[in-house]
Amino acid sequence: MSGQAAPGPISERPFPFRQFIVKVHGRCNLACRYCYLYEGPDHTWRTRPAAASAEVLDRTASRIAEHVRGHDLTAVSLVLHGGEPLLAGADTLGRFTALVRDRVPAGRTVRATVQTNATLLTEGRVATLARHDVSIGISLDAGTAAGNARRVDHAGRPSWAAAARGARLVAERFPRSYAGILAVVDPTQDPVATYESLLALEPPAIDLLLPHGNWSSPPPHWDATGTVYGDWLCAVFDRWYAAGRRATRVRLFEECIALLLGLPAATESLGLAPFDAVVVETDGSIEQVDSLKSAYEGAARTGLDIFRHDFDEALRHPGVAARQAAASALAGQCRVCPLLTVCGGGHYAHRYRAGNGFRNPSVYCADLQRLIRHVAARVAGPTAAAVPVPLERNTP
């Protein structure tokens, strides 16, 4: 099945990858009921090895170094991912990170992060990661047992107790290794209470993500006539903004403000910055980011692998090229929208519609407009906030 939109005009020199997401382990010890990866339409994970072999990791390190050298990059991000990456062992994660750093040219920075559900974090494992300068990002739904009720193991048992222990261990004993918390928005939960529950785990940053959905498979609780997700985010923004300089960093809000002020910002959900992430699967396949798998079977596939192809070949893949084409790859109504430079069309995966590919507005178009206009009004001050701004809804 082909769902890729035809790319717009592409520059002669594509924007190099700066974020390398490596699937060190392709299985998870949890069975979250809403997981788009294991419960969604794409089942390619079933045919891949559970863990990346030493050969795959070795070749991946060489390919990353090759890309850094070829594009003269000064810094890159290495994301150790899964499934649950700690199933591969903290020592394996540390050795692979050291291998990448050893092979990139001298003086280049490799910022390494492991994204974990926190249930397998122990003092010994965190100490190993800290020794290898691997930051720890934690995926949670909230900072309470009730807020994480859908995050269960394969026997249906709650994961919260183990996850909370892991999160508190990092916060209390290894704060310098704490990258922050990634949380998917659940509009059925109280927004301010959810945010404050996450603050209780003392993260240096919080990443709020909209659940993956699209026009053919809408997000849960989404209503084409409302802005339930936008309203939720606005409530959290007001609580966050009121704290001023004391506020914990929330990337979505910080980057929305930066874009409104005309400053450079890079996020997959906002703005027109060139896409710069690539995935290496456990079998060495080079793929686009996992979020595309929420659209249809094989949406992230490129047909490339790290044994036969370099990352420059992935840059030339039509799907990657389309994502680097900025506004020219967007739907017509997006290109004329006054919020274009801030919204950027929204998350690529959220634009999909069966039969029409990805050249559509985001399914969250109205929610994003609600948030962006609200943030703009708050930042501009009370005079601007008092002026009602009509909501423009883009639909494919």
Protein backbone atom coordinates (compact mmCIF):
# COMPACT_ATOMS: atom_id res chain seq x y z
CA MET A 1 0.00 0.00 0.00
CA SER A 2 1.36 3.40 -0.90
CA GLY A 3 0.27 6.35 1.19
CA GLN A 4 3.16 8.72 0.60
CA ALA A 5 2.36 12.13 -0.82
CA ALA A 6 4.49 13.12 -3.78
CA PRO A 7 7.28 15.34 -2.48
CA GLY A 8 7.44 18.99 -3.39
CA PRO A 9 10.59 20.68 -4.74
CA ILE A 10 13.65 19.27 -2.99
CA SER A 11 16.91 21.11 -2.48
CA GLU A 12 19.97 19.66 -4.19
CA ARG A 13 21.56 18.99 -0.80
CA PRO A 14 19.13 17.38 1.66
CA PHE A 15 19.27 18.31 5.32
CA PRO A 16 21.42 15.65 7.04
CA PHE A 17 20.13 13.42 9.81
CA ARG A 18 20.99 14.67 13.27
CA GLN A 19 18.90 12.26 15.33
CA PHE A 20 19.58 8.53 15.14
CA ILE A 21 16.92 6.38 16.81
CA VAL A 22 18.31 2.89 17.30
CA LYS A 23 16.00 0.00 18.22
CA VAL A 24 18.30 -1.91 20.53
CA HIS A 25 15.38 -4.11 21.56
CA GLY A 26 12.18 -4.62 19.61
CA ARG A 27 9.94 -6.03 22.33
CA CYS A 28 8.37 -4.52 25.44
CA ASN A 29 7.74 -5.85 28.94
CA LEU A 30 4.49 -3.86 29.02
CA ALA A 31 1.32 -4.25 26.99
CA CYS A 32 -0.17 -0.76 27.11
CA ARG A 33 -3.69 -1.00 25.76
CA TYR A 34 -3.34 2.03 23.49
CA CYS A 35 0.16 1.34 22.08
CA TYR A 36 0.21 2.36 18.40
CA LEU A 37 3.32 0.24 17.78
CA TYR A 38 2.17 -3.16 19.03
CA GLU A 39 -1.59 -2.67 18.89
CA GLY A 40 -1.75 -0.59 15.69
CA PRO A 41 -2.03 -1.46 11.99
CA ASP A 42 1.67 -2.19 11.40
CA HIS A 43 2.88 -5.65 12.40
CA THR A 44 6.38 -5.63 10.88
CA TRP A 45 7.87 -5.90 14.38
CA ARG A 46 6.69 -9.51 14.55
CA THR A 47 9.13 -10.63 11.85
CA ARG A 48 12.18 -8.87 13.28
CA PRO A 49 14.65 -10.17 15.86
CA ALA A 50 13.80 -9.30 19.45
CA ALA A 51 17.16 -7.60 20.00
CA ALA A 52 19.71 -5.95 17.74
CA SER A 53 22.75 -8.18 17.27
CA ALA A 54 26.33 -7.11 17.96
CA GLU A 55 26.85 -6.98 14.18
CA VAL A 56 23.90 -4.63 13.69
CA LEU A 57 25.08 -2.31 16.47
CA ASP A 58 28.65 -2.33 15.18
CA ARG A 59 27.59 -1.48 11.64
CA THR A 60 25.16 1.17 12.87
CA ALA A 61 27.93 2.90 14.82
CA SER A 62 30.07 2.98 11.67
CA ARG A 63 27.21 4.35 9.56
CA ILE A 64 26.50 7.11 12.09
CA ALA A 65 30.18 8.08 12.14
CA GLU A 66 30.23 8.06 8.33
CA HIS A 67 27.24 10.43 8.22
CA VAL A 68 28.74 12.76 10.83
CA ARG A 69 32.03 12.88 8.92
CA GLY A 70 30.44 13.26 5.50
CA HIS A 71 28.26 16.20 6.56
CA ASP A 72 30.76 17.71 9.02
CA LEU A 73 28.22 17.62 11.84
CA THR A 74 29.34 19.03 15.17
CA ALA A 75 26.67 17.30 17.28
CA VAL A 76 24.12 14.50 16.89
CA SER A 77 21.52 12.85 19.08
CA LEU A 78 21.57 9.09 19.73
CA VAL A 79 18.25 7.74 21.03
CA LEU A 80 18.33 4.21 22.43
CA HIS A 81 14.83 2.96 21.81
CA GLY A 82 12.49 -0.03 21.67
CA GLY A 83 10.15 -1.62 22.68
CA GLU A 84 11.79 -1.34 26.04
CA PRO A 85 15.52 -0.75 25.42
CA LEU A 86 16.58 -1.85 28.91
CA LEU A 87 15.60 -5.40 27.93
CA ALA A 88 18.88 -5.36 25.98
CA GLY A 89 20.78 -4.66 29.21
CA ALA A 90 22.30 -1.43 30.50
CA ASP A 91 25.80 -2.71 29.70
CA THR A 92 24.84 -3.22 26.05
CA LEU A 93 23.43 0.31 25.86
CA GLY A 94 26.57 1.73 27.43
CA ARG A 95 28.93 -0.19 25.15
CA PHE A 96 27.04 0.81 22.02
CA THR A 97 27.03 4.47 23.05
CA ALA A 98 30.77 4.31 23.70
CA LEU A 99 31.28 2.68 20.30
CA VAL A 100 29.44 5.48 18.50
CA ARG A 101 31.41 8.14 20.36
CA ASP A 102 34.66 6.37 19.64
CA ARG A 103 33.98 6.22 15.89
CA VAL A 104 32.71 9.74 15.21
CA PRO A 105 35.47 12.26 14.45
CA ALA A 106 37.23 13.79 17.43
CA GLY A 107 35.59 16.86 18.90
CA ARG A 108 32.05 15.93 17.80
CA THR A 109 29.31 15.61 20.42
CA VAL A 110 27.02 12.57 20.70
CA ARG A 111 24.15 13.27 23.10
CA ALA A 112 22.76 9.89 24.12
CA THR A 113 19.36 9.24 25.69
CA VAL A 114 17.49 6.05 26.52
CA GLN A 115 13.69 6.22 26.36
CA THR A 116 12.27 3.80 28.92
CA ASN A 117 9.04 2.97 30.71
CA ALA A 118 11.12 3.07 33.95
CA THR A 119 9.94 -0.31 35.28
CA LEU A 120 13.36 -1.93 34.84
CA LEU A 121 15.40 0.90 36.34
CA THR A 122 17.57 -0.18 39.27
CA GLU A 123 20.40 1.62 40.99
CA GLY A 124 22.96 -0.56 39.23
CA ARG A 125 21.47 -0.03 35.78
CA VAL A 126 21.09 3.72 36.24
CA ALA A 127 24.67 3.93 37.51
CA THR A 128 25.86 2.11 34.37
CA LEU A 129 23.95 4.52 32.13
CA ALA A 130 25.28 7.50 34.09
CA ARG A 131 28.83 6.22 33.75
CA HIS A 132 28.40 6.18 29.98
CA ASP A 133 26.74 9.64 30.01
CA VAL A 134 23.41 8.29 28.78
CA SER A 135 20.47 10.46 29.85
CA ILE A 136 17.20 8.81 30.87
CA GLY A 137 13.88 9.80 29.38
CA ILE A 138 10.82 8.24 31.02
CA SER A 139 7.49 7.50 29.33
CA LEU A 140 4.47 7.82 31.63
CA ASP A 141 0.84 8.86 31.30
CA ALA A 142 0.73 10.74 34.60
CA GLY A 143 2.34 10.74 38.03
CA THR A 144 -0.32 8.59 39.68
CA ALA A 145 -1.48 4.98 39.62
CA ALA A 146 -4.91 5.99 38.29
CA GLY A 147 -3.35 8.03 35.50
CA ASN A 148 -1.31 5.02 34.39
CA ALA A 149 -4.08 2.43 34.62
CA ARG A 150 -3.76 1.54 30.94
CA ARG A 151 -0.04 0.79 31.27
CA VAL A 152 -0.05 -2.88 32.28
CA ASP A 153 2.25 -5.85 31.78
CA HIS A 154 1.44 -8.85 29.59
CA ALA A 155 -0.45 -10.49 32.46
CA GLY A 156 -2.61 -7.39 32.88
CA ARG A 157 -0.88 -6.29 36.10
CA PRO A 158 -0.39 -2.57 36.79
CA SER A 159 3.08 -1.19 36.04
CA TRP A 160 2.80 1.99 38.11
CA ALA A 161 4.55 0.81 41.28
CA ALA A 162 7.69 -0.26 39.40
CA ALA A 163 7.63 2.79 37.12
CA ALA A 164 7.25 5.17 40.05
CA ARG A 165 10.16 3.54 41.87
CA GLY A 166 12.30 3.93 38.77
CA ALA A 167 11.34 7.56 38.21
CA ARG A 168 11.97 8.50 41.84
CA LEU A 169 15.31 6.68 41.81
CA VAL A 170 16.52 8.79 38.90
CA ALA A 171 15.13 12.02 40.36
CA GLU A 172 16.62 11.49 43.81
CA ARG A 173 19.88 9.64 43.18
CA PHE A 174 20.88 10.54 39.60
CA PRO A 175 19.31 13.93 38.83
CA ARG A 176 22.03 14.82 36.31
CA SER A 177 20.98 11.79 34.23
CA TYR A 178 17.28 12.74 34.24
CA ALA A 179 16.25 13.90 30.75
CA GLY A 180 12.57 14.27 31.62
CA ILE A 181 9.15 12.70 31.14
CA LEU A 182 7.28 12.02 27.93
CA ALA A 183 3.50 11.89 28.42
CA VAL A 184 0.73 11.30 25.90
CA VAL A 185 -2.29 13.57 26.36
CA ASP A 186 -5.41 11.85 27.68
CA PRO A 187 -8.34 14.31 27.49
CA THR A 188 -10.39 12.19 29.91
CA GLN A 189 -7.93 13.08 32.70
CA ASP A 190 -7.99 16.43 34.46
CA PRO A 191 -5.30 18.50 32.66
CA VAL A 192 -3.95 20.50 35.61
CA ALA A 193 -4.05 17.53 37.98
CA THR A 194 -2.20 15.42 35.40
CA TYR A 195 0.46 18.09 34.92
CA GLU A 196 0.93 18.57 38.66
CA SER A 197 1.21 14.81 39.20
CA LEU A 198 4.07 14.74 36.69
CA LEU A 199 5.74 17.67 38.45
CA ALA A 200 5.74 15.61 41.65
CA LEU A 201 8.25 13.27 39.97
CA GLU A 202 10.65 16.25 39.64
CA PRO A 203 11.42 16.01 35.93
CA PRO A 204 13.67 18.71 34.45
CA ALA A 205 11.40 18.73 31.38
CA ILE A 206 8.05 17.37 30.23
CA ASP A 207 7.14 16.47 26.66
CA LEU A 208 3.38 16.45 26.01
CA LEU A 209 2.45 14.46 22.92
CA LEU A 210 -0.85 14.13 21.13
CA PRO A 211 -1.88 10.48 20.67
CA HIS A 212 -1.27 9.22 17.17
CA GLY A 213 -4.33 9.28 14.97
CA ASN A 214 -5.31 10.44 11.51
CA TRP A 215 -8.34 11.20 9.34
CA SER A 216 -8.98 7.51 8.62
CA SER A 217 -8.38 6.41 12.20
CA PRO A 218 -9.16 9.40 14.44
CA PRO A 219 -7.61 9.78 17.90
CA PRO A 220 -9.61 8.56 20.90
CA HIS A 221 -12.23 11.03 22.17
CA TRP A 222 -11.64 13.25 19.11
CA ASP A 223 -14.63 15.18 17.85
CA ALA A 224 -14.59 16.86 14.45
CA THR A 225 -16.74 19.68 15.82
CA GLY A 226 -14.66 20.45 18.92
CA THR A 227 -11.18 21.08 20.28
CA VAL A 228 -10.99 18.68 23.21
CA TYR A 229 -7.21 18.24 22.90
CA GLY A 230 -6.57 21.93 22.32
CA ASP A 231 -8.67 22.84 25.37
CA TRP A 232 -6.74 20.34 27.49
CA LEU A 233 -3.40 21.77 26.39
CA CYS A 234 -4.56 25.35 26.96
CA ALA A 235 -5.46 24.52 30.57
CA VAL A 236 -2.00 23.05 31.18
CA PHE A 237 -0.37 25.99 29.41
CA ASP A 238 -2.10 28.47 31.72
CA ARG A 239 -0.90 26.56 34.79
CA TRP A 240 2.64 26.35 33.35
CA TYR A 241 2.78 29.98 32.19
CA ALA A 242 1.61 31.30 35.56
CA ALA A 243 4.67 29.75 37.19
CA GLY A 244 6.98 31.96 35.12
CA ARG A 245 10.68 31.31 35.59
CA ARG A 246 9.89 28.63 38.17
CA ALA A 247 8.15 26.48 35.57
CA THR A 248 9.50 23.09 34.55
CA ARG A 249 10.37 23.08 30.87
CA VAL A 250 7.53 21.93 28.60
CA ARG A 251 8.92 21.61 25.11
CA LEU A 252 5.63 22.01 23.25
CA PHE A 253 4.91 25.33 24.98
CA GLU A 254 8.47 26.66 24.80
CA GLU A 255 8.73 25.97 21.10
CA CYS A 256 5.28 27.36 20.35
CA ILE A 257 6.34 30.64 22.00
CA ALA A 258 9.68 30.63 20.18
CA LEU A 259 7.98 30.14 16.81
CA LEU A 260 5.45 32.88 17.55
CA LEU A 261 8.38 35.22 18.26
CA GLY A 262 10.08 34.27 15.01
CA LEU A 263 12.85 32.31 16.72
CA PRO A 264 14.19 28.99 15.42
CA ALA A 265 12.63 25.93 17.01
CA ALA A 266 12.61 22.25 16.14
CA THR A 267 9.88 19.79 17.03
CA GLU A 268 8.07 17.10 15.08
CA SER A 269 4.72 18.62 16.02
CA LEU A 270 5.25 22.30 15.22
CA GLY A 271 7.16 24.53 12.82
CA LEU A 272 8.75 24.08 9.41
CA ALA A 273 12.25 23.01 10.47
CA PRO A 274 13.66 20.25 8.23
CA PHE A 275 12.98 16.70 9.42
CA ASP A 276 16.24 15.18 10.69
CA ALA A 277 15.48 11.81 12.36
CA VAL A 278 16.07 8.27 11.10
CA VAL A 279 15.46 4.85 12.67
CA VAL A 280 17.56 1.69 12.65
CA GLU A 281 15.50 -1.40 13.45
CA THR A 282 16.76 -4.50 15.28
CA ASP A 283 17.53 -6.28 11.98
CA GLY A 284 19.47 -3.28 10.64
CA SER A 285 16.64 -1.95 8.45
CA ILE A 286 16.74 1.82 7.95
CA GLU A 287 13.26 3.24 8.45
CA GLN A 288 11.39 6.46 8.89
CA VAL A 289 10.11 7.27 12.37
CA ASP A 290 7.77 4.87 14.19
CA SER A 291 4.87 7.29 14.32
CA LEU A 292 4.17 6.57 10.64
CA LYS A 293 3.28 3.01 11.63
CA SER A 294 0.09 4.38 13.15
CA ALA A 295 -1.11 5.09 9.59
CA TYR A 296 -0.83 1.74 7.82
CA GLU A 297 1.29 -1.41 7.48
CA GLY A 298 4.75 -0.62 6.12
CA ALA A 299 4.36 3.18 6.18
CA ALA A 300 7.82 3.64 7.71
CA ARG A 301 9.57 1.19 5.38
CA THR A 302 12.35 2.43 3.06
CA GLY A 303 13.77 -0.86 1.72
CA LEU A 304 17.22 0.14 2.95
CA ASP A 305 19.50 -1.38 5.57
CA ILE A 306 22.75 -0.40 7.28
CA PHE A 307 24.72 -3.28 5.72
CA ARG A 308 24.08 -2.31 2.09
CA HIS A 309 23.18 1.38 2.28
CA ASP A 310 24.42 4.55 3.93
CA PHE A 311 22.21 7.18 5.53
CA ASP A 312 22.59 9.48 2.53
CA GLU A 313 20.54 6.99 0.53
CA ALA A 314 17.80 7.30 3.14
CA LEU A 315 17.88 11.08 2.66
CA ARG A 316 16.94 10.49 -0.97
CA HIS A 317 13.97 8.28 -0.13
CA PRO A 318 10.71 9.91 -1.37
CA GLY A 319 9.11 9.80 2.08
CA VAL A 320 12.07 11.52 3.73
CA ALA A 321 12.34 14.00 0.86
CA ALA A 322 8.66 14.90 1.25
CA ARG A 323 9.19 15.61 4.93
CA GLN A 324 12.13 17.89 4.12
CA ALA A 325 10.22 19.86 1.50
CA ALA A 326 8.78 22.17 4.18
CA ALA A 327 5.67 24.12 3.11
CA SER A 328 5.75 22.87 -0.48
CA ALA A 329 4.76 19.36 0.72
CA LEU A 330 1.74 20.62 2.66
CA ALA A 331 -1.91 20.74 1.67
CA GLY A 332 -3.00 23.89 -0.14
CA GLN A 333 -5.13 25.13 2.76
CA CYS A 334 -2.12 24.78 5.09
CA ARG A 335 0.13 26.81 2.80
CA VAL A 336 -2.21 29.81 2.96
CA CYS A 337 -2.98 29.53 6.67
CA PRO A 338 -1.77 32.51 8.76
CA LEU A 339 -0.45 30.09 11.39
CA LEU A 340 1.70 28.14 8.93
CA THR A 341 5.12 29.10 10.30
CA VAL A 342 4.10 28.09 13.82
CA CYS A 343 1.92 25.05 13.14
CA GLY A 344 3.95 23.75 10.20
CA GLY A 345 1.08 21.48 9.26
CA GLY A 346 1.29 19.54 12.52
CA HIS A 347 2.80 16.11 13.02
CA TYR A 348 3.30 14.32 9.69
CA ALA A 349 1.65 11.07 10.84
CA HIS A 350 -1.47 12.96 11.88
CA ARG A 351 -2.09 14.18 8.31
CA TYR A 352 -2.73 10.76 6.79
CA ARG A 353 -5.97 9.88 5.02
CA ALA A 354 -6.44 6.58 3.19
CA GLY A 355 -6.46 7.15 -0.55
CA ASN A 356 -4.97 10.62 -0.22
CA GLY A 357 -1.67 10.02 1.58
CA PHE A 358 -0.20 12.66 3.87
CA ARG A 359 -0.93 15.83 1.90
CA ASN A 360 -3.72 16.90 4.25
CA PRO A 361 -4.01 19.17 7.27
CA SER A 362 -3.42 17.49 10.61
CA VAL A 363 -6.39 15.71 12.13
CA TYR A 364 -5.57 18.00 15.09
CA CYS A 365 -5.79 21.15 12.96
CA ALA A 366 -8.49 22.80 15.08
CA ASP A 367 -6.78 21.76 18.33
CA LEU A 368 -3.45 23.20 17.20
CA GLN A 369 -5.09 26.45 16.15
CA ARG A 370 -6.83 26.63 19.52
CA LEU A 371 -3.52 26.19 21.36
CA ILE A 372 -1.43 28.51 19.16
CA ARG A 373 -3.95 31.35 19.28
CA HIS A 374 -4.34 30.95 23.04
CA VAL A 375 -0.57 31.02 23.59
CA ALA A 376 -0.22 34.05 21.30
CA ALA A 377 -2.88 35.92 23.25
CA ARG A 378 -1.29 35.12 26.62
CA VAL A 379 2.20 36.07 25.49
CA ALA A 380 0.99 39.30 23.88
CA GLY A 381 -0.73 40.40 27.08
CA PRO A 382 -4.22 41.22 28.37
CA THR A 383 -5.12 43.61 25.54
CA ALA A 384 -4.60 40.96 22.87
CA ALA A 385 -6.24 38.30 25.02
CA ALA A 386 -9.43 40.35 25.16
CA VAL A 387 -9.80 40.35 21.37
CA PRO A 388 -11.65 37.21 20.14
CA VAL A 389 -9.95 35.46 17.24
CA PRO A 390 -12.14 33.29 14.99
CA LEU A 391 -11.07 29.68 14.62
CA GLU A 392 -10.33 28.55 11.10
CA ARG A 393 -10.77 24.83 10.61
CA ASN A 394 -8.86 23.08 7.83
CA THR A 395 -10.23 19.73 6.73
CA PRO A 396 -9.14 17.56 3.80
